[in-house]
Amino acid sequence: MQNVSLNERRKRRVRTQIRRKAGGRLRLSVFRSSKNIYAQVIDDSKGVTVAAASSLEGDLKKQLKTGADVNAAASVGKLIGERALAAGVSEVVFDRGGYIFHGRVKAVADAAREAGLKF
């Protein structure tokens, strides 16, 4: 545990609390890099990704100026919400992954809620 970065420790702590309180719901995980943003709906009991979206996808990439801003995050959130609903998932637990809940991470969450996901 000594060589683990602070971000990794925070991510583990957040994920442990999420799994404890999930109540059987799937997990909406967000990863943001310096250039793009990614979102996945994950079933931890089966170890399967049910739906995924990122700012690297062809149609989104053409529409967006960059993959690393709030507009890109909102587009990814809307897309992941639509794909999750199409896969039959309506309730999830939001996994911010050690990131502070503001900016791009908040934009993904808000857009996914507007698309119809409940969390």
C-alpha atoms as a PDB file:
ATOM      1  CA  MET A   1       0.000   0.000   0.000  1.00  0.00           C
ATOM      2  CA  GLN A   2       3.018   2.299   0.320  1.00  0.00           C
ATOM      3  CA  ASN A   3       3.667   2.651  -3.415  1.00  0.00           C
ATOM      4  CA  VAL A   4       0.061   3.382  -4.312  1.00  0.00           C
ATOM      5  CA  SER A   5      -0.636   6.929  -5.467  1.00  0.00           C
ATOM      6  CA  LEU A   6      -3.104   9.148  -3.653  1.00  0.00           C
ATOM      7  CA  ASN A   7      -5.462   9.081  -6.629  1.00  0.00           C
ATOM      8  CA  GLU A   8      -5.409   5.276  -6.673  1.00  0.00           C
ATOM      9  CA  ARG A   9      -6.168   5.145  -2.929  1.00  0.00           C
ATOM     10  CA  ARG A  10      -9.050   7.591  -3.373  1.00  0.00           C
ATOM     11  CA  LYS A  11     -10.398   5.528  -6.296  1.00  0.00           C
ATOM     12  CA  ARG A  12     -10.265   2.321  -4.240  1.00  0.00           C
ATOM     13  CA  ARG A  13     -11.994   4.004  -1.305  1.00  0.00           C
ATOM     14  CA  VAL A  14     -14.782   5.406  -3.505  1.00  0.00           C
ATOM     15  CA  ARG A  15     -15.274   2.078  -5.300  1.00  0.00           C
ATOM     16  CA  THR A  16     -15.439   0.144  -2.007  1.00  0.00           C
ATOM     17  CA  GLN A  17     -18.168   2.439  -0.688  1.00  0.00           C
ATOM     18  CA  ILE A  18     -20.071   2.177  -3.969  1.00  0.00           C
ATOM     19  CA  ARG A  19     -20.018  -1.621  -3.962  1.00  0.00           C
ATOM     20  CA  ARG A  20     -21.144  -1.644  -0.333  1.00  0.00           C
ATOM     21  CA  LYS A  21     -24.129   0.622  -1.001  1.00  0.00           C
ATOM     22  CA  ALA A  22     -25.019  -0.438  -4.553  1.00  0.00           C
ATOM     23  CA  GLY A  23     -27.778  -2.880  -3.608  1.00  0.00           C
ATOM     24  CA  GLY A  24     -27.386  -4.930  -6.785  1.00  0.00           C
ATOM     25  CA  ARG A  25     -27.379  -1.955  -9.154  1.00  0.00           C
ATOM     26  CA  LEU A  26     -24.871  -1.675 -11.962  1.00  0.00           C
ATOM     27  CA  ARG A  27     -22.038   0.850 -11.818  1.00  0.00           C
ATOM     28  CA  LEU A  28     -21.621   3.847 -14.140  1.00  0.00           C
ATOM     29  CA  SER A  29     -17.863   4.391 -14.144  1.00  0.00           C
ATOM     30  CA  VAL A  30     -16.223   7.547 -15.511  1.00  0.00           C
ATOM     31  CA  PHE A  31     -12.607   7.940 -16.602  1.00  0.00           C
ATOM     32  CA  ARG A  32     -11.229  11.239 -17.783  1.00  0.00           C
ATOM     33  CA  SER A  33      -7.874  11.739 -19.386  1.00  0.00           C
ATOM     34  CA  SER A  34      -6.291  14.991 -20.463  1.00  0.00           C
ATOM     35  CA  LYS A  35      -7.651  14.582 -24.012  1.00  0.00           C
ATOM     36  CA  ASN A  36     -10.821  12.449 -23.772  1.00  0.00           C
ATOM     37  CA  ILE A  37     -13.554  11.149 -21.478  1.00  0.00           C
ATOM     38  CA  TYR A  38     -14.931   7.629 -21.206  1.00  0.00           C
ATOM     39  CA  ALA A  39     -17.969   6.111 -19.475  1.00  0.00           C
ATOM     40  CA  GLN A  40     -19.008   2.490 -18.909  1.00  0.00           C
ATOM     41  CA  VAL A  41     -21.941   0.732 -17.286  1.00  0.00           C
ATOM     42  CA  ILE A  42     -20.418  -2.286 -15.539  1.00  0.00           C
ATOM     43  CA  ASP A  43     -22.025  -5.339 -13.952  1.00  0.00           C
ATOM     44  CA  ASP A  44     -19.554  -6.163 -11.157  1.00  0.00           C
ATOM     45  CA  SER A  45     -21.246  -9.452 -10.229  1.00  0.00           C
ATOM     46  CA  LYS A  46     -20.656 -10.865 -13.733  1.00  0.00           C
ATOM     47  CA  GLY A  47     -17.589  -8.810 -14.576  1.00  0.00           C
ATOM     48  CA  VAL A  48     -19.168  -7.554 -17.806  1.00  0.00           C
ATOM     49  CA  THR A  49     -19.412  -4.141 -19.442  1.00  0.00           C
ATOM     50  CA  VAL A  50     -23.052  -3.613 -20.437  1.00  0.00           C
ATOM     51  CA  ALA A  51     -22.671  -0.287 -22.268  1.00  0.00           C
ATOM     52  CA  ALA A  52     -19.812   2.055 -23.099  1.00  0.00           C
ATOM     53  CA  ALA A  53     -19.266   5.456 -24.680  1.00  0.00           C
ATOM     54  CA  SER A  54     -16.328   7.777 -25.210  1.00  0.00           C
ATOM     55  CA  SER A  55     -15.404  11.016 -26.884  1.00  0.00           C
ATOM     56  CA  LEU A  56     -13.297   9.012 -29.365  1.00  0.00           C
ATOM     57  CA  GLU A  57     -16.283   7.549 -31.205  1.00  0.00           C
ATOM     58  CA  GLY A  58     -16.547   8.543 -34.839  1.00  0.00           C
ATOM     59  CA  ASP A  59     -19.769  10.540 -34.909  1.00  0.00           C
ATOM     60  CA  LEU A  60     -18.988  12.320 -31.621  1.00  0.00           C
ATOM     61  CA  LYS A  61     -15.409  13.055 -32.606  1.00  0.00           C
ATOM     62  CA  LYS A  62     -16.573  14.822 -35.783  1.00  0.00           C
ATOM     63  CA  GLN A  63     -19.082  16.986 -33.881  1.00  0.00           C
ATOM     64  CA  LEU A  64     -16.778  18.011 -31.029  1.00  0.00           C
ATOM     65  CA  LYS A  65     -13.978  20.548 -31.120  1.00  0.00           C
ATOM     66  CA  THR A  66     -12.074  18.606 -28.452  1.00  0.00           C
ATOM     67  CA  GLY A  67     -12.756  15.532 -26.353  1.00  0.00           C
ATOM     68  CA  ALA A  68     -11.607  17.195 -23.149  1.00  0.00           C
ATOM     69  CA  ASP A  69     -14.255  19.805 -22.384  1.00  0.00           C
ATOM     70  CA  VAL A  70     -17.652  19.951 -20.692  1.00  0.00           C
ATOM     71  CA  ASN A  71     -19.528  19.781 -24.018  1.00  0.00           C
ATOM     72  CA  ALA A  72     -17.780  16.526 -24.914  1.00  0.00           C
ATOM     73  CA  ALA A  73     -18.543  15.130 -21.459  1.00  0.00           C
ATOM     74  CA  ALA A  74     -22.229  16.031 -21.811  1.00  0.00           C
ATOM     75  CA  SER A  75     -22.362  14.304 -25.204  1.00  0.00           C
ATOM     76  CA  VAL A  76     -20.756  11.169 -23.748  1.00  0.00           C
ATOM     77  CA  GLY A  77     -23.185  11.249 -20.803  1.00  0.00           C
ATOM     78  CA  LYS A  78     -26.190  11.470 -23.116  1.00  0.00           C
ATOM     79  CA  LEU A  79     -24.848   8.632 -25.265  1.00  0.00           C
ATOM     80  CA  ILE A  80     -24.134   6.341 -22.298  1.00  0.00           C
ATOM     81  CA  GLY A  81     -27.603   7.031 -20.912  1.00  0.00           C
ATOM     82  CA  GLU A  82     -29.251   6.100 -24.204  1.00  0.00           C
ATOM     83  CA  ARG A  83     -27.144   2.948 -24.599  1.00  0.00           C
ATOM     84  CA  ALA A  84     -27.782   1.826 -21.023  1.00  0.00           C
ATOM     85  CA  LEU A  85     -31.541   2.252 -21.453  1.00  0.00           C
ATOM     86  CA  ALA A  86     -31.364   0.315 -24.729  1.00  0.00           C
ATOM     87  CA  ALA A  87     -29.565  -2.487 -22.844  1.00  0.00           C
ATOM     88  CA  GLY A  88     -32.360  -2.563 -20.253  1.00  0.00           C
ATOM     89  CA  VAL A  89     -30.576  -0.717 -17.447  1.00  0.00           C
ATOM     90  CA  SER A  90     -32.513   2.094 -15.787  1.00  0.00           C
ATOM     91  CA  GLU A  91     -30.856   2.411 -12.343  1.00  0.00           C
ATOM     92  CA  VAL A  92     -27.125   2.645 -11.723  1.00  0.00           C
ATOM     93  CA  VAL A  93     -24.658   3.762  -9.074  1.00  0.00           C
ATOM     94  CA  PHE A  94     -22.366   6.600 -10.168  1.00  0.00           C
ATOM     95  CA  ASP A  95     -18.647   5.880  -9.785  1.00  0.00           C
ATOM     96  CA  ARG A  96     -16.688   9.123 -10.036  1.00  0.00           C
ATOM     97  CA  GLY A  97     -13.467   7.130  -9.823  1.00  0.00           C
ATOM     98  CA  GLY A  98     -11.515   9.327  -7.434  1.00  0.00           C
ATOM     99  CA  TYR A  99     -12.272  12.521  -9.342  1.00  0.00           C
ATOM    100  CA  ILE A 100     -13.989  15.472  -7.696  1.00  0.00           C
ATOM    101  CA  PHE A 101     -17.654  15.713  -8.709  1.00  0.00           C
ATOM    102  CA  HIS A 102     -17.497  18.886 -10.788  1.00  0.00           C
ATOM    103  CA  GLY A 103     -16.693  19.939 -14.332  1.00  0.00           C
ATOM    104  CA  ARG A 104     -16.524  17.098 -16.836  1.00  0.00           C
ATOM    105  CA  VAL A 105     -17.476  14.379 -14.342  1.00  0.00           C
ATOM    106  CA  LYS A 106     -20.580  16.319 -13.270  1.00  0.00           C
ATOM    107  CA  ALA A 107     -21.475  16.978 -16.926  1.00  0.00           C
ATOM    108  CA  VAL A 108     -21.461  13.225 -17.649  1.00  0.00           C
ATOM    109  CA  ALA A 109     -23.693  12.574 -14.635  1.00  0.00           C
ATOM    110  CA  ASP A 110     -26.171  15.349 -15.472  1.00  0.00           C
ATOM    111  CA  ALA A 111     -26.460  14.312 -19.127  1.00  0.00           C
ATOM    112  CA  ALA A 112     -26.956  10.652 -18.185  1.00  0.00           C
ATOM    113  CA  ARG A 113     -29.746  11.685 -15.793  1.00  0.00           C
ATOM    114  CA  GLU A 114     -31.388  13.748 -18.533  1.00  0.00           C
ATOM    115  CA  ALA A 115     -31.188  10.746 -20.868  1.00  0.00           C
ATOM    116  CA  GLY A 116     -33.224   8.745 -18.337  1.00  0.00           C
ATOM    117  CA  LEU A 117     -30.785   6.942 -16.029  1.00  0.00           C
ATOM    118  CA  LYS A 118     -31.609   7.070 -12.326  1.00  0.00           C
ATOM    119  CA  PHE A 119     -28.909   7.381  -9.664  1.00  0.00           C
END
